[in-house]
């Protein structure tokens, strides 16, 4: 396995210390910020993020998804990557964990909104039950300005 996959695997290792896990999560976030389409490392990065999507001790993985969706050219590859939408939906539906869970959920919802800007990706998002459930739940819970990414995503997916 490559570096990115190993970073994700460490997050699930019972032998790794919390400090090592925090470093691995932060490294994945940073890699998501600098890797772009059409770099060969994008596929392994997306696979690593899918594998790491269950990491909820910090918001790093959710923020990695969000950061990687910033460049428009990354969005379709993200939406098409096996398991990515399901992992992202899981983060967007996180219900326990206090302020950290709120940060995780918010970053995941921002990422979904960015992915929904891509016309080709919209169909994939609209057909993903987890994504639509996450948006529906967030729409019913959030108020005011907190709802803007959710509203924007729903508007793009319903249009």
Foldseek 3Di string as FASTA:
>chain_A
DDDLQVLLVLCVDPPDDPVSVVVSLQVLLVVLLPDAPPDPCPLVSLVSLLSNLVDQPALSSLNSLLNNLPDVRRLVVQLPRPRNLVSLLVLLPDDDDPPRSVSSNLSSLNSLLSSLVDLVSLVSQLPDPSNVVSLVVCCVPDDDPSCVSSVSSVVSNVD
